[in-house]
Amino acid sequence: TQLLPLIHSLSEEGQLIQELVTGAGKSIIAAIHAVLRVAEGRTALIPTENEKLGRDGIESFQGFYSYLGVHCGERIIEAQSPD
């Protein structure tokens, strides 16, 4: 289930919106998709429901990003963030 939206997104041109239900593996998809964007020379932003989920995602996937040589920011950007 997790890989189907990712595979589909790789073949799409332009913008794409996809929804997954809770517990379907959105964090895994986001991490893989982010690495693929970075490999294309692009920046990846991963949206989450709240700051705790953002911090959990950074912690959970830090080893994955490091292994692939992808720099991961440590700051969580919120609506009220200065920059």
PDB file of N, CA and C in Angstrom:
ATOM      1  N   THR A   1       0.823  -1.192   0.000  1.00  0.00           N
ATOM      2  CA  THR A   1       0.000   0.000   0.000  1.00  0.00           C
ATOM      3  C   THR A   1       0.865   1.254   0.000  1.00  0.00           C
ATOM      4  N   GLN A   2       1.934   1.269   0.802  1.00  0.00           N
ATOM      5  CA  GLN A   2       2.767   2.457   0.911  1.00  0.00           C
ATOM      6  C   GLN A   2       3.477   2.789  -0.391  1.00  0.00           C
ATOM      7  N   LEU A   3       3.899   1.790  -1.127  1.00  0.00           N
ATOM      8  CA  LEU A   3       4.685   2.056  -2.324  1.00  0.00           C
ATOM      9  C   LEU A   3       3.860   2.467  -3.538  1.00  0.00           C
ATOM     10  N   LEU A   4       2.590   2.115  -3.577  1.00  0.00           N
ATOM     11  CA  LEU A   4       1.777   2.447  -4.744  1.00  0.00           C
ATOM     12  C   LEU A   4       1.692   3.944  -5.005  1.00  0.00           C
ATOM     13  N   PRO A   5       1.380   4.784  -4.016  1.00  0.00           N
ATOM     14  CA  PRO A   5       1.357   6.226  -4.295  1.00  0.00           C
ATOM     15  C   PRO A   5       2.726   6.764  -4.688  1.00  0.00           C
ATOM     16  N   LEU A   6       3.786   6.232  -4.105  1.00  0.00           N
ATOM     17  CA  LEU A   6       5.135   6.681  -4.441  1.00  0.00           C
ATOM     18  C   LEU A   6       5.458   6.354  -5.893  1.00  0.00           C
ATOM     19  N   ILE A   7       5.210   5.135  -6.297  1.00  0.00           N
ATOM     20  CA  ILE A   7       5.468   4.736  -7.683  1.00  0.00           C
ATOM     21  C   ILE A   7       4.629   5.579  -8.637  1.00  0.00           C
ATOM     22  N   HIS A   8       3.384   5.789  -8.284  1.00  0.00           N
ATOM     23  CA  HIS A   8       2.501   6.592  -9.122  1.00  0.00           C
ATOM     24  C   HIS A   8       3.028   8.019  -9.243  1.00  0.00           C
ATOM     25  N   SER A   9       3.529   8.582  -8.157  1.00  0.00           N
ATOM     26  CA  SER A   9       4.001   9.964  -8.183  1.00  0.00           C
ATOM     27  C   SER A   9       5.233  10.130  -9.067  1.00  0.00           C
ATOM     28  N   LEU A  10       6.032   9.087  -9.196  1.00  0.00           N
ATOM     29  CA  LEU A  10       7.238   9.170 -10.017  1.00  0.00           C
ATOM     30  C   LEU A  10       6.926   9.263 -11.507  1.00  0.00           C
ATOM     31  N   SER A  11       5.776   8.749 -11.914  1.00  0.00           N
ATOM     32  CA  SER A  11       5.427   8.767 -13.330  1.00  0.00           C
ATOM     33  C   SER A  11       4.535   9.949 -13.707  1.00  0.00           C
ATOM     34  N   GLU A  12       4.143  10.754 -12.736  1.00  0.00           N
ATOM     35  CA  GLU A  12       3.246  11.880 -12.983  1.00  0.00           C
ATOM     36  C   GLU A  12       4.025  13.135 -13.333  1.00  0.00           C
ATOM     37  N   GLU A  13       3.522  13.885 -14.263  1.00  0.00           N
ATOM     38  CA  GLU A  13       4.081  15.189 -14.601  1.00  0.00           C
ATOM     39  C   GLU A  13       3.263  16.249 -13.874  1.00  0.00           C
ATOM     40  N   GLY A  14       3.914  17.310 -13.425  1.00  0.00           N
ATOM     41  CA  GLY A  14       3.190  18.403 -12.782  1.00  0.00           C
ATOM     42  C   GLY A  14       2.824  18.076 -11.349  1.00  0.00           C
ATOM     43  N   GLN A  15       1.755  18.675 -10.887  1.00  0.00           N
ATOM     44  CA  GLN A  15       1.338  18.534  -9.500  1.00  0.00           C
ATOM     45  C   GLN A  15       0.493  17.282  -9.312  1.00  0.00           C
ATOM     46  N   LEU A  16       0.542  16.747  -8.101  1.00  0.00           N
ATOM     47  CA  LEU A  16      -0.192  15.535  -7.788  1.00  0.00           C
ATOM     48  C   LEU A  16      -0.611  15.583  -6.324  1.00  0.00           C
ATOM     49  N   ILE A  17      -1.848  15.288  -6.058  1.00  0.00           N
ATOM     50  CA  ILE A  17      -2.335  15.194  -4.683  1.00  0.00           C
ATOM     51  C   ILE A  17      -2.796  13.762  -4.452  1.00  0.00           C
ATOM     52  N   GLN A  18      -2.307  13.164  -3.373  1.00  0.00           N
ATOM     53  CA  GLN A  18      -2.726  11.816  -3.017  1.00  0.00           C
ATOM     54  C   GLN A  18      -2.997  11.782  -1.524  1.00  0.00           C
ATOM     55  N   GLU A  19      -3.976  11.012  -1.124  1.00  0.00           N
ATOM     56  CA  GLU A  19      -4.336  10.870   0.280  1.00  0.00           C
ATOM     57  C   GLU A  19      -4.168   9.420   0.709  1.00  0.00           C
ATOM     58  N   LEU A  20      -3.677   9.218   1.923  1.00  0.00           N
ATOM     59  CA  LEU A  20      -3.590   7.892   2.516  1.00  0.00           C
ATOM     60  C   LEU A  20      -4.252   7.948   3.877  1.00  0.00           C
ATOM     61  N   VAL A  21      -4.896   6.874   4.261  1.00  0.00           N
ATOM     62  CA  VAL A  21      -5.560   6.826   5.557  1.00  0.00           C
ATOM     63  C   VAL A  21      -4.526   6.743   6.675  1.00  0.00           C
ATOM     64  N   THR A  22      -4.938   7.055   7.884  1.00  0.00           N
ATOM     65  CA  THR A  22      -4.067   6.976   9.050  1.00  0.00           C
ATOM     66  C   THR A  22      -3.564   5.547   9.216  1.00  0.00           C
ATOM     67  N   GLY A  23      -2.266   5.438   9.460  1.00  0.00           N
ATOM     68  CA  GLY A  23      -1.654   4.131   9.659  1.00  0.00           C
ATOM     69  C   GLY A  23      -1.244   3.422   8.379  1.00  0.00           C
ATOM     70  N   ALA A  24      -1.373   4.092   7.232  1.00  0.00           N
ATOM     71  CA  ALA A  24      -1.045   3.448   5.953  1.00  0.00           C
ATOM     72  C   ALA A  24       0.413   3.628   5.566  1.00  0.00           C
ATOM     73  N   GLY A  25       1.203   4.338   6.361  1.00  0.00           N
ATOM     74  CA  GLY A  25       2.623   4.472   6.073  1.00  0.00           C
ATOM     75  C   GLY A  25       3.021   5.770   5.406  1.00  0.00           C
ATOM     76  N   LYS A  26       2.320   6.866   5.726  1.00  0.00           N
ATOM     77  CA  LYS A  26       2.642   8.158   5.107  1.00  0.00           C
ATOM     78  C   LYS A  26       4.059   8.604   5.429  1.00  0.00           C
ATOM     79  N   SER A  27       4.535   8.323   6.620  1.00  0.00           N
ATOM     80  CA  SER A  27       5.887   8.741   6.993  1.00  0.00           C
ATOM     81  C   SER A  27       6.940   8.054   6.141  1.00  0.00           C
ATOM     82  N   ILE A  28       6.738   6.781   5.861  1.00  0.00           N
ATOM     83  CA  ILE A  28       7.677   6.042   5.015  1.00  0.00           C
ATOM     84  C   ILE A  28       7.667   6.619   3.602  1.00  0.00           C
ATOM     85  N   ILE A  29       6.481   6.865   3.079  1.00  0.00           N
ATOM     86  CA  ILE A  29       6.350   7.440   1.734  1.00  0.00           C
ATOM     87  C   ILE A  29       7.023   8.802   1.685  1.00  0.00           C
ATOM     88  N   ALA A  30       6.776   9.631   2.704  1.00  0.00           N
ATOM     89  CA  ALA A  30       7.354  10.973   2.729  1.00  0.00           C
ATOM     90  C   ALA A  30       8.878  10.912   2.754  1.00  0.00           C
ATOM     91  N   ALA A  31       9.448  10.008   3.545  1.00  0.00           N
ATOM     92  CA  ALA A  31      10.905   9.890   3.635  1.00  0.00           C
ATOM     93  C   ALA A  31      11.507   9.456   2.304  1.00  0.00           C
ATOM     94  N   ILE A  32      10.917   8.468   1.668  1.00  0.00           N
ATOM     95  CA  ILE A  32      11.433   7.998   0.378  1.00  0.00           C
ATOM     96  C   ILE A  32      11.269   9.079  -0.684  1.00  0.00           C
ATOM     97  N   HIS A  33      10.127   9.714  -0.696  1.00  0.00           N
ATOM     98  CA  HIS A  33       9.872  10.767  -1.678  1.00  0.00           C
ATOM     99  C   HIS A  33      10.840  11.934  -1.473  1.00  0.00           C
ATOM    100  N   ALA A  34      11.110  12.291  -0.231  1.00  0.00           N
ATOM    101  CA  ALA A  34      12.050  13.377   0.061  1.00  0.00           C
ATOM    102  C   ALA A  34      13.439  13.052  -0.480  1.00  0.00           C
ATOM    103  N   VAL A  35      13.903  11.827  -0.263  1.00  0.00           N
ATOM    104  CA  VAL A  35      15.224  11.424  -0.752  1.00  0.00           C
ATOM    105  C   VAL A  35      15.266  11.479  -2.278  1.00  0.00           C
ATOM    106  N   LEU A  36      14.199  11.057  -2.926  1.00  0.00           N
ATOM    107  CA  LEU A  36      14.158  11.105  -4.383  1.00  0.00           C
ATOM    108  C   LEU A  36      14.200  12.548  -4.886  1.00  0.00           C
ATOM    109  N   ARG A  37      13.513  13.460  -4.207  1.00  0.00           N
ATOM    110  CA  ARG A  37      13.545  14.873  -4.595  1.00  0.00           C
ATOM    111  C   ARG A  37      14.952  15.441  -4.425  1.00  0.00           C
ATOM    112  N   VAL A  38      15.604  15.118  -3.329  1.00  0.00           N
ATOM    113  CA  VAL A  38      16.966  15.596  -3.088  1.00  0.00           C
ATOM    114  C   VAL A  38      17.906  15.036  -4.162  1.00  0.00           C
ATOM    115  N   ALA A  39      17.706  13.782  -4.558  1.00  0.00           N
ATOM    116  CA  ALA A  39      18.539  13.187  -5.608  1.00  0.00           C
ATOM    117  C   ALA A  39      18.374  13.932  -6.935  1.00  0.00           C
ATOM    118  N   GLU A  40      17.214  14.568  -7.126  1.00  0.00           N
ATOM    119  CA  GLU A  40      16.975  15.374  -8.325  1.00  0.00           C
ATOM    120  C   GLU A  40      17.492  16.799  -8.168  1.00  0.00           C
ATOM    121  N   GLY A  41      18.120  17.092  -7.019  1.00  0.00           N
ATOM    122  CA  GLY A  41      18.637  18.431  -6.773  1.00  0.00           C
ATOM    123  C   GLY A  41      17.594  19.398  -6.242  1.00  0.00           C
ATOM    124  N   ARG A  42      16.526  18.875  -5.711  1.00  0.00           N
ATOM    125  CA  ARG A  42      15.440  19.711  -5.200  1.00  0.00           C
ATOM    126  C   ARG A  42      15.395  19.643  -3.680  1.00  0.00           C
ATOM    127  N   THR A  43      14.673  20.566  -3.084  1.00  0.00           N
ATOM    128  CA  THR A  43      14.458  20.571  -1.642  1.00  0.00           C
ATOM    129  C   THR A  43      13.189  19.794  -1.340  1.00  0.00           C
ATOM    130  N   ALA A  44      13.166  19.131  -0.215  1.00  0.00           N
ATOM    131  CA  ALA A  44      11.978  18.384   0.191  1.00  0.00           C
ATOM    132  C   ALA A  44      11.487  18.906   1.533  1.00  0.00           C
ATOM    133  N   LEU A  45      10.229  19.240   1.590  1.00  0.00           N
ATOM    134  CA  LEU A  45       9.572  19.612   2.842  1.00  0.00           C
ATOM    135  C   LEU A  45       8.538  18.534   3.147  1.00  0.00           C
ATOM    136  N   ILE A  46       8.540  18.041   4.374  1.00  0.00           N
ATOM    137  CA  ILE A  46       7.600  16.988   4.746  1.00  0.00           C
ATOM    138  C   ILE A  46       6.609  17.560   5.757  1.00  0.00           C
ATOM    139  N   PRO A  47       5.359  17.733   5.355  1.00  0.00           N
ATOM    140  CA  PRO A  47       4.357  18.263   6.277  1.00  0.00           C
ATOM    141  C   PRO A  47       3.906  17.194   7.270  1.00  0.00           C
ATOM    142  N   THR A  48       3.633  17.634   8.484  1.00  0.00           N
ATOM    143  CA  THR A  48       3.099  16.735   9.509  1.00  0.00           C
ATOM    144  C   THR A  48       1.963  17.442  10.234  1.00  0.00           C
ATOM    145  N   GLU A  49       1.253  16.682  11.016  1.00  0.00           N
ATOM    146  CA  GLU A  49       0.096  17.208  11.744  1.00  0.00           C
ATOM    147  C   GLU A  49       0.511  18.198  12.830  1.00  0.00           C
ATOM    148  N   ASN A  50       1.644  17.944  13.480  1.00  0.00           N
ATOM    149  CA  ASN A  50       2.084  18.820  14.566  1.00  0.00           C
ATOM    150  C   ASN A  50       3.595  18.704  14.769  1.00  0.00           C
ATOM    151  N   GLU A  51       4.123  19.524  15.657  1.00  0.00           N
ATOM    152  CA  GLU A  51       5.567  19.565  15.900  1.00  0.00           C
ATOM    153  C   GLU A  51       6.096  18.228  16.406  1.00  0.00           C
ATOM    154  N   LYS A  52       5.365  17.567  17.289  1.00  0.00           N
ATOM    155  CA  LYS A  52       5.820  16.281  17.825  1.00  0.00           C
ATOM    156  C   LYS A  52       6.007  15.256  16.711  1.00  0.00           C
ATOM    157  N   LEU A  53       5.060  15.176  15.790  1.00  0.00           N
ATOM    158  CA  LEU A  53       5.202  14.240  14.674  1.00  0.00           C
ATOM    159  C   LEU A  53       6.393  14.614  13.793  1.00  0.00           C
ATOM    160  N   GLY A  54       6.639  15.902  13.626  1.00  0.00           N
ATOM    161  CA  GLY A  54       7.798  16.347  12.863  1.00  0.00           C
ATOM    162  C   GLY A  54       9.092  15.911  13.516  1.00  0.00           C
ATOM    163  N   ARG A  55       9.201  16.115  14.811  1.00  0.00           N
ATOM    164  CA  ARG A  55      10.411  15.703  15.540  1.00  0.00           C
ATOM    165  C   ARG A  55      10.563  14.182  15.530  1.00  0.00           C
ATOM    166  N   ASP A  56       9.446  13.468  15.700  1.00  0.00           N
ATOM    167  CA  ASP A  56       9.494  12.002  15.641  1.00  0.00           C
ATOM    168  C   ASP A  56       9.974  11.524  14.276  1.00  0.00           C
ATOM    169  N   GLY A  57       9.518  12.187  13.212  1.00  0.00           N
ATOM    170  CA  GLY A  57       9.935  11.817  11.860  1.00  0.00           C
ATOM    171  C   GLY A  57      11.421  12.033  11.645  1.00  0.00           C
ATOM    172  N   ILE A  58      11.926  13.168  12.113  1.00  0.00           N
ATOM    173  CA  ILE A  58      13.365  13.437  11.993  1.00  0.00           C
ATOM    174  C   ILE A  58      14.154  12.361  12.728  1.00  0.00           C
ATOM    175  N   GLU A  59      13.725  12.042  13.939  1.00  0.00           N
ATOM    176  CA  GLU A  59      14.428  11.035  14.742  1.00  0.00           C
ATOM    177  C   GLU A  59      14.334   9.642  14.102  1.00  0.00           C
ATOM    178  N   SER A  60      13.150   9.283  13.643  1.00  0.00           N
ATOM    179  CA  SER A  60      12.940   7.950  13.078  1.00  0.00           C
ATOM    180  C   SER A  60      13.724   7.713  11.803  1.00  0.00           C
ATOM    181  N   PHE A  61      13.842   8.731  10.956  1.00  0.00           N
ATOM    182  CA  PHE A  61      14.449   8.541   9.647  1.00  0.00           C
ATOM    183  C   PHE A  61      15.845   9.131   9.522  1.00  0.00           C
ATOM    184  N   GLN A  62      16.419   9.631  10.617  1.00  0.00           N
ATOM    185  CA  GLN A  62      17.751  10.231  10.562  1.00  0.00           C
ATOM    186  C   GLN A  62      18.786   9.249  10.040  1.00  0.00           C
ATOM    187  N   GLY A  63      18.745   8.008  10.488  1.00  0.00           N
ATOM    188  CA  GLY A  63      19.693   6.997  10.012  1.00  0.00           C
ATOM    189  C   GLY A  63      19.541   6.716   8.527  1.00  0.00           C
ATOM    190  N   PHE A  64      18.302   6.674   8.050  1.00  0.00           N
ATOM    191  CA  PHE A  64      18.003   6.462   6.635  1.00  0.00           C
ATOM    192  C   PHE A  64      18.583   7.602   5.798  1.00  0.00           C
ATOM    193  N   TYR A  65      18.334   8.846   6.234  1.00  0.00           N
ATOM    194  CA  TYR A  65      18.845  10.002   5.507  1.00  0.00           C
ATOM    195  C   TYR A  65      20.373  10.026   5.533  1.00  0.00           C
ATOM    196  N   SER A  66      20.966   9.775   6.692  1.00  0.00           N
ATOM    197  CA  SER A  66      22.425   9.786   6.825  1.00  0.00           C
ATOM    198  C   SER A  66      23.068   8.718   5.936  1.00  0.00           C
ATOM    199  N   TYR A  67      22.482   7.541   5.940  1.00  0.00           N
ATOM    200  CA  TYR A  67      23.018   6.444   5.129  1.00  0.00           C
ATOM    201  C   TYR A  67      23.071   6.830   3.657  1.00  0.00           C
ATOM    202  N   LEU A  68      22.069   7.577   3.200  1.00  0.00           N
ATOM    203  CA  LEU A  68      22.013   7.991   1.805  1.00  0.00           C
ATOM    204  C   LEU A  68      22.723   9.321   1.545  1.00  0.00           C
ATOM    205  N   GLY A  69      23.331   9.893   2.587  1.00  0.00           N
ATOM    206  CA  GLY A  69      24.069  11.139   2.431  1.00  0.00           C
ATOM    207  C   GLY A  69      23.197  12.364   2.246  1.00  0.00           C
ATOM    208  N   VAL A  70      21.982  12.297   2.767  1.00  0.00           N
ATOM    209  CA  VAL A  70      21.036  13.407   2.635  1.00  0.00           C
ATOM    210  C   VAL A  70      21.031  14.200   3.938  1.00  0.00           C
ATOM    211  N   HIS A  71      21.303  15.508   3.831  1.00  0.00           N
ATOM    212  CA  HIS A  71      21.265  16.375   5.011  1.00  0.00           C
ATOM    213  C   HIS A  71      19.814  16.597   5.421  1.00  0.00           C
ATOM    214  N   CYS A  72      19.569  16.486   6.692  1.00  0.00           N
ATOM    215  CA  CYS A  72      18.213  16.675   7.220  1.00  0.00           C
ATOM    216  C   CYS A  72      18.229  17.839   8.194  1.00  0.00           C
ATOM    217  N   GLY A  73      17.396  18.829   7.939  1.00  0.00           N
ATOM    218  CA  GLY A  73      17.291  19.954   8.859  1.00  0.00           C
ATOM    219  C   GLY A  73      16.739  19.515  10.193  1.00  0.00           C
ATOM    220  N   GLU A  74      17.121  20.208  11.238  1.00  0.00           N
ATOM    221  CA  GLU A  74      16.650  19.851  12.574  1.00  0.00           C
ATOM    222  C   GLU A  74      15.570  20.794  13.075  1.00  0.00           C
ATOM    223  N   ARG A  75      15.363  21.880  12.370  1.00  0.00           N
ATOM    224  CA  ARG A  75      14.372  22.864  12.809  1.00  0.00           C
ATOM    225  C   ARG A  75      13.018  22.516  12.206  1.00  0.00           C
ATOM    226  N   ILE A  76      11.994  22.589  13.027  1.00  0.00           N
ATOM    227  CA  ILE A  76      10.627  22.368  12.568  1.00  0.00           C
ATOM    228  C   ILE A  76      10.063  23.727  12.154  1.00  0.00           C
ATOM    229  N   ILE A  77       9.578  23.819  10.933  1.00  0.00           N
ATOM    230  CA  ILE A  77       9.004  25.075  10.430  1.00  0.00           C
ATOM    231  C   ILE A  77       7.508  25.058  10.724  1.00  0.00           C
ATOM    232  N   GLU A  78       7.056  26.070  11.448  1.00  0.00           N
ATOM    233  CA  GLU A  78       5.638  26.176  11.796  1.00  0.00           C
ATOM    234  C   GLU A  78       5.064  27.423  11.169  1.00  0.00           C
ATOM    235  N   ALA A  79       3.745  27.516  11.179  1.00  0.00           N
ATOM    236  CA  ALA A  79       3.061  28.668  10.590  1.00  0.00           C
ATOM    237  C   ALA A  79       3.582  29.980  11.179  1.00  0.00           C
ATOM    238  N   GLN A  80       3.906  29.983  12.450  1.00  0.00           N
ATOM    239  CA  GLN A  80       4.376  31.203  13.098  1.00  0.00           C
ATOM    240  C   GLN A  80       5.901  31.322  13.150  1.00  0.00           C
ATOM    241  N   SER A  81       6.619  30.457  12.404  1.00  0.00           N
ATOM    242  CA  SER A  81       8.079  30.537  12.370  1.00  0.00           C
ATOM    243  C   SER A  81       8.513  31.828  11.714  1.00  0.00           C
ATOM    244  N   PRO A  82       9.626  32.438  12.181  1.00  0.00           N
ATOM    245  CA  PRO A  82      10.077  33.715  11.636  1.00  0.00           C
ATOM    246  C   PRO A  82      10.500  33.652  10.169  1.00  0.00           C
ATOM    247  N   ASP A  83      11.107  32.545   9.699  1.00  0.00           N
ATOM    248  CA  ASP A  83      11.543  32.431   8.293  1.00  0.00           C
ATOM    249  C   ASP A  83      11.026  31.157   7.706  1.00  0.00           C
TER     250      ASP A  83
END
